[in-house]
Amino acid sequence: MEVRELICIGCPLGCPVTVKMDGGQVLEVTGNTCKRGDDYARKEVLSPTRIVTSSVHVSGGTIGMVSVKTKEDIPKGKIFEIMDEIRRVTVPAPVAIGDVVIADCAGTGVPIIATKDVAKA
């Protein structure tokens, strides 16, 4: 039996959660004070995901970089592939919040979007 200790990020309480697993299946989740804790713990041990934030070069803008993020969470194992793709991108100014910078990053089906406005220089 495998036991994993986590700190839940499902709500502001930050409960210490214990997950007991056997053969890749969750047997028990304890320590959570709400349903979100149980959901978070199960997802984190079986299929962890993350939101990736970074920045992309801007050509012809008032600033040289624009902050970006994945529009939704992606499989944790894809983070390095996503960062490699983000590093290779340069977008022309102007850039608006919500603009799609990469439509399907690293084959995840998840777009990379701008999180800041950058005006044309």
PDB file of N, CA and C in Angstrom:
ATOM      1  N   MET A   1       0.842  -1.184   0.000  1.00  0.00           N
ATOM      2  CA  MET A   1       0.000   0.000   0.000  1.00  0.00           C
ATOM      3  C   MET A   1       0.888   1.248   0.000  1.00  0.00           C
ATOM      4  N   GLU A   2       0.520   2.211  -0.813  1.00  0.00           N
ATOM      5  CA  GLU A   2       1.251   3.478  -0.907  1.00  0.00           C
ATOM      6  C   GLU A   2       0.446   4.563  -0.195  1.00  0.00           C
ATOM      7  N   VAL A   3       1.156   5.408   0.557  1.00  0.00           N
ATOM      8  CA  VAL A   3       0.522   6.532   1.251  1.00  0.00           C
ATOM      9  C   VAL A   3       1.169   7.813   0.764  1.00  0.00           C
ATOM     10  N   ARG A   4       0.355   8.772   0.334  1.00  0.00           N
ATOM     11  CA  ARG A   4       0.854  10.070  -0.135  1.00  0.00           C
ATOM     12  C   ARG A   4       0.271  11.167   0.738  1.00  0.00           C
ATOM     13  N   GLU A   5       1.143  12.082   1.138  1.00  0.00           N
ATOM     14  CA  GLU A   5       0.736  13.236   1.948  1.00  0.00           C
ATOM     15  C   GLU A   5       0.721  14.465   1.055  1.00  0.00           C
ATOM     16  N   LEU A   6      -0.375  15.219   1.045  1.00  0.00           N
ATOM     17  CA  LEU A   6      -0.531  16.413   0.219  1.00  0.00           C
ATOM     18  C   LEU A   6      -1.055  17.566   1.061  1.00  0.00           C
ATOM     19  N   ILE A   7      -0.851  18.765   0.578  1.00  0.00           N
ATOM     20  CA  ILE A   7      -1.530  19.938   1.123  1.00  0.00           C
ATOM     21  C   ILE A   7      -2.549  20.338   0.073  1.00  0.00           C
ATOM     22  N   CYS A   8      -3.802  20.338   0.432  1.00  0.00           N
ATOM     23  CA  CYS A   8      -4.872  20.636  -0.514  1.00  0.00           C
ATOM     24  C   CYS A   8      -4.837  22.115  -0.906  1.00  0.00           C
ATOM     25  N   ILE A   9      -5.041  22.377  -2.196  1.00  0.00           N
ATOM     26  CA  ILE A   9      -5.121  23.754  -2.694  1.00  0.00           C
ATOM     27  C   ILE A   9      -6.516  24.039  -3.258  1.00  0.00           C
ATOM     28  N   GLY A  10      -7.493  23.199  -2.904  1.00  0.00           N
ATOM     29  CA  GLY A  10      -8.858  23.355  -3.406  1.00  0.00           C
ATOM     30  C   GLY A  10      -9.592  24.541  -2.833  1.00  0.00           C
ATOM     31  N   CYS A  11      -9.196  24.999  -1.653  1.00  0.00           N
ATOM     32  CA  CYS A  11      -9.798  26.167  -1.021  1.00  0.00           C
ATOM     33  C   CYS A  11      -8.736  26.810  -0.119  1.00  0.00           C
ATOM     34  N   PRO A  12      -9.014  27.948   0.483  1.00  0.00           N
ATOM     35  CA  PRO A  12      -7.993  28.644   1.290  1.00  0.00           C
ATOM     36  C   PRO A  12      -7.544  27.942   2.568  1.00  0.00           C
ATOM     37  N   LEU A  13      -8.225  26.894   3.001  1.00  0.00           N
ATOM     38  CA  LEU A  13      -7.857  26.246   4.265  1.00  0.00           C
ATOM     39  C   LEU A  13      -6.508  25.525   4.214  1.00  0.00           C
ATOM     40  N   GLY A  14      -6.138  24.948   3.077  1.00  0.00           N
ATOM     41  CA  GLY A  14      -4.858  24.250   2.959  1.00  0.00           C
ATOM     42  C   GLY A  14      -4.752  23.039   3.862  1.00  0.00           C
ATOM     43  N   CYS A  15      -5.731  22.191   3.826  1.00  0.00           N
ATOM     44  CA  CYS A  15      -5.769  21.013   4.698  1.00  0.00           C
ATOM     45  C   CYS A  15      -4.656  20.019   4.346  1.00  0.00           C
ATOM     46  N   PRO A  16      -4.039  19.417   5.375  1.00  0.00           N
ATOM     47  CA  PRO A  16      -3.114  18.305   5.118  1.00  0.00           C
ATOM     48  C   PRO A  16      -3.952  17.060   4.808  1.00  0.00           C
ATOM     49  N   VAL A  17      -3.748  16.488   3.637  1.00  0.00           N
ATOM     50  CA  VAL A  17      -4.564  15.366   3.167  1.00  0.00           C
ATOM     51  C   VAL A  17      -3.678  14.137   3.003  1.00  0.00           C
ATOM     52  N   THR A  18      -4.199  13.000   3.417  1.00  0.00           N
ATOM     53  CA  THR A  18      -3.512  11.722   3.262  1.00  0.00           C
ATOM     54  C   THR A  18      -4.298  10.869   2.280  1.00  0.00           C
ATOM     55  N   VAL A  19      -3.579  10.326   1.293  1.00  0.00           N
ATOM     56  CA  VAL A  19      -4.209   9.469   0.289  1.00  0.00           C
ATOM     57  C   VAL A  19      -3.576   8.086   0.398  1.00  0.00           C
ATOM     58  N   LYS A  20      -4.414   7.083   0.593  1.00  0.00           N
ATOM     59  CA  LYS A  20      -3.950   5.694   0.614  1.00  0.00           C
ATOM     60  C   LYS A  20      -4.323   5.073  -0.726  1.00  0.00           C
ATOM     61  N   MET A  21      -3.291   4.463  -1.364  1.00  0.00           N
ATOM     62  CA  MET A  21      -3.475   3.877  -2.689  1.00  0.00           C
ATOM     63  C   MET A  21      -2.991   2.435  -2.698  1.00  0.00           C
ATOM     64  N   ASP A  22      -3.562   1.668  -3.613  1.00  0.00           N
ATOM     65  CA  ASP A  22      -3.098   0.304  -3.826  1.00  0.00           C
ATOM     66  C   ASP A  22      -3.251  -0.005  -5.307  1.00  0.00           C
ATOM     67  N   GLY A  23      -2.143  -0.329  -5.958  1.00  0.00           N
ATOM     68  CA  GLY A  23      -2.177  -0.683  -7.370  1.00  0.00           C
ATOM     69  C   GLY A  23      -2.693   0.427  -8.267  1.00  0.00           C
ATOM     70  N   GLY A  24      -2.385   1.657  -7.947  1.00  0.00           N
ATOM     71  CA  GLY A  24      -2.819   2.771  -8.776  1.00  0.00           C
ATOM     72  C   GLY A  24      -4.267   3.174  -8.574  1.00  0.00           C
ATOM     73  N   GLN A  25      -4.899   2.654  -7.545  1.00  0.00           N
ATOM     74  CA  GLN A  25      -6.272   3.026  -7.231  1.00  0.00           C
ATOM     75  C   GLN A  25      -6.329   3.662  -5.857  1.00  0.00           C
ATOM     76  N   VAL A  26      -7.129   4.715  -5.730  1.00  0.00           N
ATOM     77  CA  VAL A  26      -7.290   5.397  -4.449  1.00  0.00           C
ATOM     78  C   VAL A  26      -8.240   4.583  -3.578  1.00  0.00           C
ATOM     79  N   LEU A  27      -7.746   4.233  -2.385  1.00  0.00           N
ATOM     80  CA  LEU A  27      -8.571   3.487  -1.436  1.00  0.00           C
ATOM     81  C   LEU A  27      -9.273   4.424  -0.462  1.00  0.00           C
ATOM     82  N   GLU A  28      -8.533   5.482  -0.042  1.00  0.00           N
ATOM     83  CA  GLU A  28      -9.074   6.358   0.997  1.00  0.00           C
ATOM     84  C   GLU A  28      -8.396   7.722   0.939  1.00  0.00           C
ATOM     85  N   VAL A  29      -9.189   8.768   1.167  1.00  0.00           N
ATOM     86  CA  VAL A  29      -8.679  10.128   1.304  1.00  0.00           C
ATOM     87  C   VAL A  29      -9.139  10.627   2.664  1.00  0.00           C
ATOM     88  N   THR A  30      -8.181  11.088   3.493  1.00  0.00           N
ATOM     89  CA  THR A  30      -8.524  11.607   4.818  1.00  0.00           C
ATOM     90  C   THR A  30      -7.840  12.947   5.051  1.00  0.00           C
ATOM     91  N   GLY A  31      -8.381  13.706   5.983  1.00  0.00           N
ATOM     92  CA  GLY A  31      -7.791  14.982   6.358  1.00  0.00           C
ATOM     93  C   GLY A  31      -8.467  16.179   5.719  1.00  0.00           C
ATOM     94  N   ASN A  32      -9.204  15.951   4.649  1.00  0.00           N
ATOM     95  CA  ASN A  32      -9.888  17.062   3.988  1.00  0.00           C
ATOM     96  C   ASN A  32     -11.125  17.465   4.794  1.00  0.00           C
ATOM     97  N   THR A  33     -11.435  18.763   4.765  1.00  0.00           N
ATOM     98  CA  THR A  33     -12.612  19.238   5.485  1.00  0.00           C
ATOM     99  C   THR A  33     -13.769  19.567   4.542  1.00  0.00           C
ATOM    100  N   CYS A  34     -13.524  19.439   3.239  1.00  0.00           N
ATOM    101  CA  CYS A  34     -14.606  19.683   2.283  1.00  0.00           C
ATOM    102  C   CYS A  34     -14.470  18.732   1.093  1.00  0.00           C
ATOM    103  N   LYS A  35     -15.503  18.669   0.280  1.00  0.00           N
ATOM    104  CA  LYS A  35     -15.522  17.784  -0.891  1.00  0.00           C
ATOM    105  C   LYS A  35     -14.421  18.141  -1.877  1.00  0.00           C
ATOM    106  N   ARG A  36     -14.093  19.431  -1.995  1.00  0.00           N
ATOM    107  CA  ARG A  36     -13.041  19.840  -2.930  1.00  0.00           C
ATOM    108  C   ARG A  36     -11.709  19.197  -2.573  1.00  0.00           C
ATOM    109  N   GLY A  37     -11.449  18.976  -1.292  1.00  0.00           N
ATOM    110  CA  GLY A  37     -10.212  18.330  -0.860  1.00  0.00           C
ATOM    111  C   GLY A  37     -10.117  16.902  -1.357  1.00  0.00           C
ATOM    112  N   ASP A  38     -11.216  16.193  -1.285  1.00  0.00           N
ATOM    113  CA  ASP A  38     -11.246  14.813  -1.786  1.00  0.00           C
ATOM    114  C   ASP A  38     -11.023  14.808  -3.302  1.00  0.00           C
ATOM    115  N   ASP A  39     -11.725  15.680  -4.010  1.00  0.00           N
ATOM    116  CA  ASP A  39     -11.575  15.763  -5.470  1.00  0.00           C
ATOM    117  C   ASP A  39     -10.139  16.119  -5.860  1.00  0.00           C
ATOM    118  N   TYR A  40      -9.577  17.132  -5.186  1.00  0.00           N
ATOM    119  CA  TYR A  40      -8.202  17.566  -5.486  1.00  0.00           C
ATOM    120  C   TYR A  40      -7.214  16.424  -5.258  1.00  0.00           C
ATOM    121  N   ALA A  41      -7.306  15.751  -4.126  1.00  0.00           N
ATOM    122  CA  ALA A  41      -6.357  14.689  -3.783  1.00  0.00           C
ATOM    123  C   ALA A  41      -6.408  13.548  -4.798  1.00  0.00           C
ATOM    124  N   ARG A  42      -7.596  13.129  -5.165  1.00  0.00           N
ATOM    125  CA  ARG A  42      -7.728  12.041  -6.141  1.00  0.00           C
ATOM    126  C   ARG A  42      -7.122  12.435  -7.489  1.00  0.00           C
ATOM    127  N   LYS A  43      -7.419  13.659  -7.933  1.00  0.00           N
ATOM    128  CA  LYS A  43      -6.889  14.120  -9.218  1.00  0.00           C
ATOM    129  C   LYS A  43      -5.359  14.252  -9.154  1.00  0.00           C
ATOM    130  N   GLU A  44      -4.849  14.766  -8.057  1.00  0.00           N
ATOM    131  CA  GLU A  44      -3.404  15.008  -7.935  1.00  0.00           C
ATOM    132  C   GLU A  44      -2.605  13.710  -7.940  1.00  0.00           C
ATOM    133  N   VAL A  45      -3.106  12.656  -7.347  1.00  0.00           N
ATOM    134  CA  VAL A  45      -2.340  11.402  -7.321  1.00  0.00           C
ATOM    135  C   VAL A  45      -2.542  10.556  -8.571  1.00  0.00           C
ATOM    136  N   LEU A  46      -3.672  10.705  -9.241  1.00  0.00           N
ATOM    137  CA  LEU A  46      -3.956   9.873 -10.415  1.00  0.00           C
ATOM    138  C   LEU A  46      -3.609  10.553 -11.734  1.00  0.00           C
ATOM    139  N   SER A  47      -3.850  11.855 -11.824  1.00  0.00           N
ATOM    140  CA  SER A  47      -3.639  12.560 -13.087  1.00  0.00           C
ATOM    141  C   SER A  47      -3.360  14.037 -12.792  1.00  0.00           C
ATOM    142  N   PRO A  48      -2.164  14.354 -12.286  1.00  0.00           N
ATOM    143  CA  PRO A  48      -1.872  15.738 -11.890  1.00  0.00           C
ATOM    144  C   PRO A  48      -1.827  16.684 -13.088  1.00  0.00           C
ATOM    145  N   THR A  49      -2.365  17.871 -12.895  1.00  0.00           N
ATOM    146  CA  THR A  49      -2.372  18.899 -13.933  1.00  0.00           C
ATOM    147  C   THR A  49      -1.891  20.221 -13.348  1.00  0.00           C
ATOM    148  N   ARG A  50      -1.501  21.115 -14.233  1.00  0.00           N
ATOM    149  CA  ARG A  50      -1.013  22.430 -13.809  1.00  0.00           C
ATOM    150  C   ARG A  50      -1.419  23.486 -14.831  1.00  0.00           C
ATOM    151  N   ILE A  51      -1.500  24.737 -14.368  1.00  0.00           N
ATOM    152  CA  ILE A  51      -1.575  25.900 -15.244  1.00  0.00           C
ATOM    153  C   ILE A  51      -0.129  26.355 -15.410  1.00  0.00           C
ATOM    154  N   VAL A  52       0.286  26.633 -16.639  1.00  0.00           N
ATOM    155  CA  VAL A  52       1.652  27.090 -16.896  1.00  0.00           C
ATOM    156  C   VAL A  52       1.608  28.578 -17.203  1.00  0.00           C
ATOM    157  N   THR A  53       2.459  29.350 -16.536  1.00  0.00           N
ATOM    158  CA  THR A  53       2.592  30.780 -16.814  1.00  0.00           C
ATOM    159  C   THR A  53       4.013  31.059 -17.276  1.00  0.00           C
ATOM    160  N   SER A  54       4.153  31.987 -18.204  1.00  0.00           N
ATOM    161  CA  SER A  54       5.468  32.319 -18.733  1.00  0.00           C
ATOM    162  C   SER A  54       5.387  33.672 -19.422  1.00  0.00           C
ATOM    163  N   SER A  55       6.318  33.934 -20.316  1.00  0.00           N
ATOM    164  CA  SER A  55       6.284  35.152 -21.121  1.00  0.00           C
ATOM    165  C   SER A  55       6.815  34.836 -22.515  1.00  0.00           C
ATOM    166  N   VAL A  56       6.372  35.651 -23.474  1.00  0.00           N
ATOM    167  CA  VAL A  56       6.704  35.458 -24.883  1.00  0.00           C
ATOM    168  C   VAL A  56       7.269  36.765 -25.418  1.00  0.00           C
ATOM    169  N   HIS A  57       8.242  36.669 -26.314  1.00  0.00           N
ATOM    170  CA  HIS A  57       8.819  37.857 -26.943  1.00  0.00           C
ATOM    171  C   HIS A  57       7.784  38.554 -27.811  1.00  0.00           C
ATOM    172  N   VAL A  58       7.849  39.906 -27.810  1.00  0.00           N
ATOM    173  CA  VAL A  58       6.973  40.720 -28.646  1.00  0.00           C
ATOM    174  C   VAL A  58       7.850  41.556 -29.563  1.00  0.00           C
ATOM    175  N   SER A  59       7.532  41.547 -30.864  1.00  0.00           N
ATOM    176  CA  SER A  59       8.273  42.394 -31.797  1.00  0.00           C
ATOM    177  C   SER A  59       7.446  43.644 -32.087  1.00  0.00           C
ATOM    178  N   GLY A  60       8.115  44.796 -32.069  1.00  0.00           N
ATOM    179  CA  GLY A  60       7.454  46.057 -32.390  1.00  0.00           C
ATOM    180  C   GLY A  60       6.524  46.575 -31.328  1.00  0.00           C
ATOM    181  N   GLY A  61       6.706  46.141 -30.099  1.00  0.00           N
ATOM    182  CA  GLY A  61       5.836  46.580 -29.010  1.00  0.00           C
ATOM    183  C   GLY A  61       6.492  47.607 -28.108  1.00  0.00           C
ATOM    184  N   THR A  62       5.699  48.190 -27.229  1.00  0.00           N
ATOM    185  CA  THR A  62       6.219  49.153 -26.259  1.00  0.00           C
ATOM    186  C   THR A  62       7.062  48.474 -25.189  1.00  0.00           C
ATOM    187  N   ILE A  63       6.859  47.178 -25.022  1.00  0.00           N
ATOM    188  CA  ILE A  63       7.724  46.367 -24.163  1.00  0.00           C
ATOM    189  C   ILE A  63       8.095  45.108 -24.938  1.00  0.00           C
ATOM    190  N   GLY A  64       9.172  44.460 -24.551  1.00  0.00           N
ATOM    191  CA  GLY A  64       9.709  43.340 -25.313  1.00  0.00           C
ATOM    192  C   GLY A  64       9.126  41.982 -25.012  1.00  0.00           C
ATOM    193  N   MET A  65       8.307  41.875 -23.959  1.00  0.00           N
ATOM    194  CA  MET A  65       7.742  40.582 -23.579  1.00  0.00           C
ATOM    195  C   MET A  65       6.283  40.778 -23.167  1.00  0.00           C
ATOM    196  N   VAL A  66       5.512  39.717 -23.322  1.00  0.00           N
ATOM    197  CA  VAL A  66       4.132  39.712 -22.847  1.00  0.00           C
ATOM    198  C   VAL A  66       3.934  38.460 -21.992  1.00  0.00           C
ATOM    199  N   SER A  67       3.244  38.625 -20.865  1.00  0.00           N
ATOM    200  CA  SER A  67       2.957  37.470 -20.017  1.00  0.00           C
ATOM    201  C   SER A  67       1.879  36.616 -20.670  1.00  0.00           C
ATOM    202  N   VAL A  68       2.018  35.303 -20.504  1.00  0.00           N
ATOM    203  CA  VAL A  68       1.083  34.338 -21.085  1.00  0.00           C
ATOM    204  C   VAL A  68       0.797  33.224 -20.091  1.00  0.00           C
ATOM    205  N   LYS A  69      -0.263  32.463 -20.366  1.00  0.00           N
ATOM    206  CA  LYS A  69      -0.581  31.284 -19.550  1.00  0.00           C
ATOM    207  C   LYS A  69      -1.369  30.297 -20.383  1.00  0.00           C
ATOM    208  N   THR A  70      -1.418  29.058 -19.906  1.00  0.00           N
ATOM    209  CA  THR A  70      -2.286  28.085 -20.552  1.00  0.00           C
ATOM    210  C   THR A  70      -3.724  28.474 -20.211  1.00  0.00           C
ATOM    211  N   LYS A  71      -4.621  28.324 -21.163  1.00  0.00           N
ATOM    212  CA  LYS A  71      -6.014  28.719 -20.935  1.00  0.00           C
ATOM    213  C   LYS A  71      -6.682  27.822 -19.898  1.00  0.00           C
ATOM    214  N   GLU A  72      -6.209  26.593 -19.800  1.00  0.00           N
ATOM    215  CA  GLU A  72      -6.706  25.655 -18.793  1.00  0.00           C
ATOM    216  C   GLU A  72      -5.546  24.779 -18.347  1.00  0.00           C
ATOM    217  N   ASP A  73      -5.797  23.950 -17.362  1.00  0.00           N
ATOM    218  CA  ASP A  73      -4.698  23.130 -16.864  1.00  0.00           C
ATOM    219  C   ASP A  73      -4.319  22.052 -17.878  1.00  0.00           C
ATOM    220  N   ILE A  74      -3.052  21.672 -17.804  1.00  0.00           N
ATOM    221  CA  ILE A  74      -2.479  20.697 -18.735  1.00  0.00           C
ATOM    222  C   ILE A  74      -1.870  19.555 -17.924  1.00  0.00           C
ATOM    223  N   PRO A  75      -1.647  18.406 -18.539  1.00  0.00           N
ATOM    224  CA  PRO A  75      -0.993  17.313 -17.807  1.00  0.00           C
ATOM    225  C   PRO A  75       0.397  17.753 -17.319  1.00  0.00           C
ATOM    226  N   LYS A  76       0.680  17.477 -16.074  1.00  0.00           N
ATOM    227  CA  LYS A  76       1.950  17.899 -15.468  1.00  0.00           C
ATOM    228  C   LYS A  76       3.157  17.428 -16.277  1.00  0.00           C
ATOM    229  N   GLY A  77       3.079  16.266 -16.867  1.00  0.00           N
ATOM    230  CA  GLY A  77       4.185  15.715 -17.644  1.00  0.00           C
ATOM    231  C   GLY A  77       4.473  16.465 -18.941  1.00  0.00           C
ATOM    232  N   LYS A  78       3.604  17.382 -19.341  1.00  0.00           N
ATOM    233  CA  LYS A  78       3.784  18.148 -20.580  1.00  0.00           C
ATOM    234  C   LYS A  78       4.423  19.523 -20.343  1.00  0.00           C
ATOM    235  N   ILE A  79       4.724  19.874 -19.112  1.00  0.00           N
ATOM    236  CA  ILE A  79       5.225  21.214 -18.797  1.00  0.00           C
ATOM    237  C   ILE A  79       6.479  21.559 -19.596  1.00  0.00           C
ATOM    238  N   PHE A  80       7.450  20.672 -19.659  1.00  0.00           N
ATOM    239  CA  PHE A  80       8.707  20.986 -20.352  1.00  0.00           C
ATOM    240  C   PHE A  80       8.498  21.138 -21.857  1.00  0.00           C
ATOM    241  N   GLU A  81       7.639  20.318 -22.451  1.00  0.00           N
ATOM    242  CA  GLU A  81       7.333  20.462 -23.879  1.00  0.00           C
ATOM    243  C   GLU A  81       6.651  21.808 -24.148  1.00  0.00           C
ATOM    244  N   ILE A  82       5.746  22.180 -23.286  1.00  0.00           N
ATOM    245  CA  ILE A  82       5.038  23.457 -23.430  1.00  0.00           C
ATOM    246  C   ILE A  82       6.017  24.614 -23.312  1.00  0.00           C
ATOM    247  N   MET A  83       6.903  24.555 -22.329  1.00  0.00           N
ATOM    248  CA  MET A  83       7.881  25.636 -22.159  1.00  0.00           C
ATOM    249  C   MET A  83       8.828  25.721 -23.357  1.00  0.00           C
ATOM    250  N   ASP A  84       9.226  24.588 -23.917  1.00  0.00           N
ATOM    251  CA  ASP A  84      10.072  24.603 -25.115  1.00  0.00           C
ATOM    252  C   ASP A  84       9.376  25.318 -26.264  1.00  0.00           C
ATOM    253  N   GLU A  85       8.094  25.039 -26.457  1.00  0.00           N
ATOM    254  CA  GLU A  85       7.344  25.682 -27.538  1.00  0.00           C
ATOM    255  C   GLU A  85       7.166  27.178 -27.268  1.00  0.00           C
ATOM    256  N   ILE A  86       6.867  27.533 -26.035  1.00  0.00           N
ATOM    257  CA  ILE A  86       6.689  28.951 -25.678  1.00  0.00           C
ATOM    258  C   ILE A  86       7.975  29.734 -25.934  1.00  0.00           C
ATOM    259  N   ARG A  87       9.121  29.156 -25.585  1.00  0.00           N
ATOM    260  CA  ARG A  87      10.414  29.839 -25.759  1.00  0.00           C
ATOM    261  C   ARG A  87      10.710  30.207 -27.212  1.00  0.00           C
ATOM    262  N   ARG A  88      10.158  29.452 -28.157  1.00  0.00           N
ATOM    263  CA  ARG A  88      10.448  29.670 -29.582  1.00  0.00           C
ATOM    264  C   ARG A  88       9.530  30.702 -30.240  1.00  0.00           C
ATOM    265  N   VAL A  89       8.553  31.219 -29.513  1.00  0.00           N
ATOM    266  CA  VAL A  89       7.533  32.091 -30.110  1.00  0.00           C
ATOM    267  C   VAL A  89       7.865  33.572 -29.936  1.00  0.00           C
ATOM    268  N   THR A  90       7.613  34.337 -31.007  1.00  0.00           N
ATOM    269  CA  THR A  90       7.636  35.803 -30.963  1.00  0.00           C
ATOM    270  C   THR A  90       6.336  36.263 -31.620  1.00  0.00           C
ATOM    271  N   VAL A  91       5.623  37.167 -30.964  1.00  0.00           N
ATOM    272  CA  VAL A  91       4.368  37.675 -31.520  1.00  0.00           C
ATOM    273  C   VAL A  91       4.528  39.147 -31.884  1.00  0.00           C
ATOM    274  N   PRO A  92       3.838  39.589 -32.935  1.00  0.00           N
ATOM    275  CA  PRO A  92       3.896  41.003 -33.299  1.00  0.00           C
ATOM    276  C   PRO A  92       2.930  41.830 -32.445  1.00  0.00           C
ATOM    277  N   ALA A  93       3.323  43.059 -32.137  1.00  0.00           N
ATOM    278  CA  ALA A  93       2.435  43.973 -31.414  1.00  0.00           C
ATOM    279  C   ALA A  93       1.405  44.515 -32.401  1.00  0.00           C
ATOM    280  N   PRO A  94       0.245  44.905 -31.978  1.00  0.00           N
ATOM    281  CA  PRO A  94      -0.230  44.931 -30.595  1.00  0.00           C
ATOM    282  C   PRO A  94      -0.730  43.559 -30.130  1.00  0.00           C
ATOM    283  N   VAL A  95      -0.721  43.382 -28.805  1.00  0.00           N
ATOM    284  CA  VAL A  95      -1.222  42.163 -28.182  1.00  0.00           C
ATOM    285  C   VAL A  95      -2.260  42.580 -27.144  1.00  0.00           C
ATOM    286  N   ALA A  96      -3.378  41.877 -27.111  1.00  0.00           N
ATOM    287  CA  ALA A  96      -4.428  42.178 -26.134  1.00  0.00           C
ATOM    288  C   ALA A  96      -4.620  41.000 -25.189  1.00  0.00           C
ATOM    289  N   ILE A  97      -5.058  41.306 -23.977  1.00  0.00           N
ATOM    290  CA  ILE A  97      -5.361  40.246 -23.016  1.00  0.00           C
ATOM    291  C   ILE A  97      -6.342  39.267 -23.656  1.00  0.00           C
ATOM    292  N   GLY A  98      -6.043  37.989 -23.562  1.00  0.00           N
ATOM    293  CA  GLY A  98      -6.912  36.964 -24.114  1.00  0.00           C
ATOM    294  C   GLY A  98      -6.558  36.531 -25.525  1.00  0.00           C
ATOM    295  N   ASP A  99      -5.667  37.284 -26.197  1.00  0.00           N
ATOM    296  CA  ASP A  99      -5.241  36.871 -27.529  1.00  0.00           C
ATOM    297  C   ASP A  99      -4.594  35.487 -27.465  1.00  0.00           C
ATOM    298  N   VAL A 100      -4.906  34.645 -28.438  1.00  0.00           N
ATOM    299  CA  VAL A 100      -4.289  33.324 -28.509  1.00  0.00           C
ATOM    300  C   VAL A 100      -2.913  33.484 -29.134  1.00  0.00           C
ATOM    301  N   VAL A 101      -1.902  33.092 -28.388  1.00  0.00           N
ATOM    302  CA  VAL A 101      -0.512  33.189 -28.834  1.00  0.00           C
ATOM    303  C   VAL A 101      -0.087  31.890 -29.520  1.00  0.00           C
ATOM    304  N   ILE A 102      -0.507  30.754 -28.976  1.00  0.00           N
ATOM    305  CA  ILE A 102      -0.289  29.427 -29.567  1.00  0.00           C
ATOM    306  C   ILE A 102      -1.623  28.697 -29.472  1.00  0.00           C
ATOM    307  N   ALA A 103      -2.146  28.235 -30.592  1.00  0.00           N
ATOM    308  CA  ALA A 103      -3.485  27.637 -30.606  1.00  0.00           C
ATOM    309  C   ALA A 103      -3.550  26.267 -29.921  1.00  0.00           C
ATOM    310  N   ASP A 104      -2.565  25.421 -30.161  1.00  0.00           N
ATOM    311  CA  ASP A 104      -2.561  24.063 -29.610  1.00  0.00           C
ATOM    312  C   ASP A 104      -1.136  23.781 -29.153  1.00  0.00           C
ATOM    313  N   CYS A 105      -0.848  24.104 -27.926  1.00  0.00           N
ATOM    314  CA  CYS A 105       0.529  24.017 -27.444  1.00  0.00           C
ATOM    315  C   CYS A 105       0.917  22.573 -27.120  1.00  0.00           C
ATOM    316  N   ALA A 106       1.997  22.139 -27.717  1.00  0.00           N
ATOM    317  CA  ALA A 106       2.596  20.820 -27.468  1.00  0.00           C
ATOM    318  C   ALA A 106       1.611  19.673 -27.644  1.00  0.00           C
ATOM    319  N   GLY A 107       0.669  19.833 -28.556  1.00  0.00           N
ATOM    320  CA  GLY A 107      -0.282  18.767 -28.836  1.00  0.00           C
ATOM    321  C   GLY A 107      -1.269  18.485 -27.722  1.00  0.00           C
ATOM    322  N   THR A 108      -1.430  19.421 -26.784  1.00  0.00           N
ATOM    323  CA  THR A 108      -2.354  19.215 -25.663  1.00  0.00           C
ATOM    324  C   THR A 108      -3.778  19.625 -26.003  1.00  0.00           C
ATOM    325  N   GLY A 109      -3.936  20.421 -27.091  1.00  0.00           N
ATOM    326  CA  GLY A 109      -5.247  20.971 -27.401  1.00  0.00           C
ATOM    327  C   GLY A 109      -5.558  22.218 -26.602  1.00  0.00           C
ATOM    328  N   VAL A 110      -4.615  22.633 -25.759  1.00  0.00           N
ATOM    329  CA  VAL A 110      -4.803  23.801 -24.896  1.00  0.00           C
ATOM    330  C   VAL A 110      -4.068  24.995 -25.489  1.00  0.00           C
ATOM    331  N   PRO A 111      -4.771  26.128 -25.645  1.00  0.00           N
ATOM    332  CA  PRO A 111      -4.104  27.319 -26.172  1.00  0.00           C
ATOM    333  C   PRO A 111      -3.305  28.066 -25.109  1.00  0.00           C
ATOM    334  N   ILE A 112      -2.311  28.801 -25.576  1.00  0.00           N
ATOM    335  CA  ILE A 112      -1.563  29.730 -24.728  1.00  0.00           C
ATOM    336  C   ILE A 112      -2.142  31.111 -25.030  1.00  0.00           C
ATOM    337  N   ILE A 113      -2.545  31.843 -23.980  1.00  0.00           N
ATOM    338  CA  ILE A 113      -3.164  33.149 -24.168  1.00  0.00           C
ATOM    339  C   ILE A 113      -2.371  34.248 -23.470  1.00  0.00           C
ATOM    340  N   ALA A 114      -2.461  35.451 -24.024  1.00  0.00           N
ATOM    341  CA  ALA A 114      -1.810  36.618 -23.430  1.00  0.00           C
ATOM    342  C   ALA A 114      -2.574  37.047 -22.182  1.00  0.00           C
ATOM    343  N   THR A 115      -1.836  37.501 -21.179  1.00  0.00           N
ATOM    344  CA  THR A 115      -2.462  37.959 -19.939  1.00  0.00           C
ATOM    345  C   THR A 115      -2.182  39.440 -19.683  1.00  0.00           C
ATOM    346  N   LYS A 116      -1.715  40.127 -20.725  1.00  0.00           N
ATOM    347  CA  LYS A 116      -1.376  41.550 -20.609  1.00  0.00           C
ATOM    348  C   LYS A 116      -1.551  42.194 -21.977  1.00  0.00           C
ATOM    349  N   ASP A 117      -1.858  43.477 -21.991  1.00  0.00           N
ATOM    350  CA  ASP A 117      -1.895  44.246 -23.242  1.00  0.00           C
ATOM    351  C   ASP A 117      -0.501  44.784 -23.525  1.00  0.00           C
ATOM    352  N   VAL A 118      -0.104  44.730 -24.796  1.00  0.00           N
ATOM    353  CA  VAL A 118       1.142  45.357 -25.246  1.00  0.00           C
ATOM    354  C   VAL A 118       0.808  46.181 -26.486  1.00  0.00           C
ATOM    355  N   ALA A 119       1.007  47.493 -26.387  1.00  0.00           N
ATOM    356  CA  ALA A 119       0.704  48.381 -27.503  1.00  0.00           C
ATOM    357  C   ALA A 119       1.838  48.342 -28.525  1.00  0.00           C
ATOM    358  N   LYS A 120       1.510  48.761 -29.718  1.00  0.00           N
ATOM    359  CA  LYS A 120       2.512  48.870 -30.777  1.00  0.00           C
ATOM    360  C   LYS A 120       3.370  50.079 -30.491  1.00  0.00           C
ATOM    361  N   ALA A 121       4.667  49.953 -30.734  1.00  0.00           N
ATOM    362  CA  ALA A 121       5.601  51.060 -30.460  1.00  0.00           C
ATOM    363  C   ALA A 121       5.477  52.139 -31.500  1.00  0.00           C
TER     364      ALA A 121
END
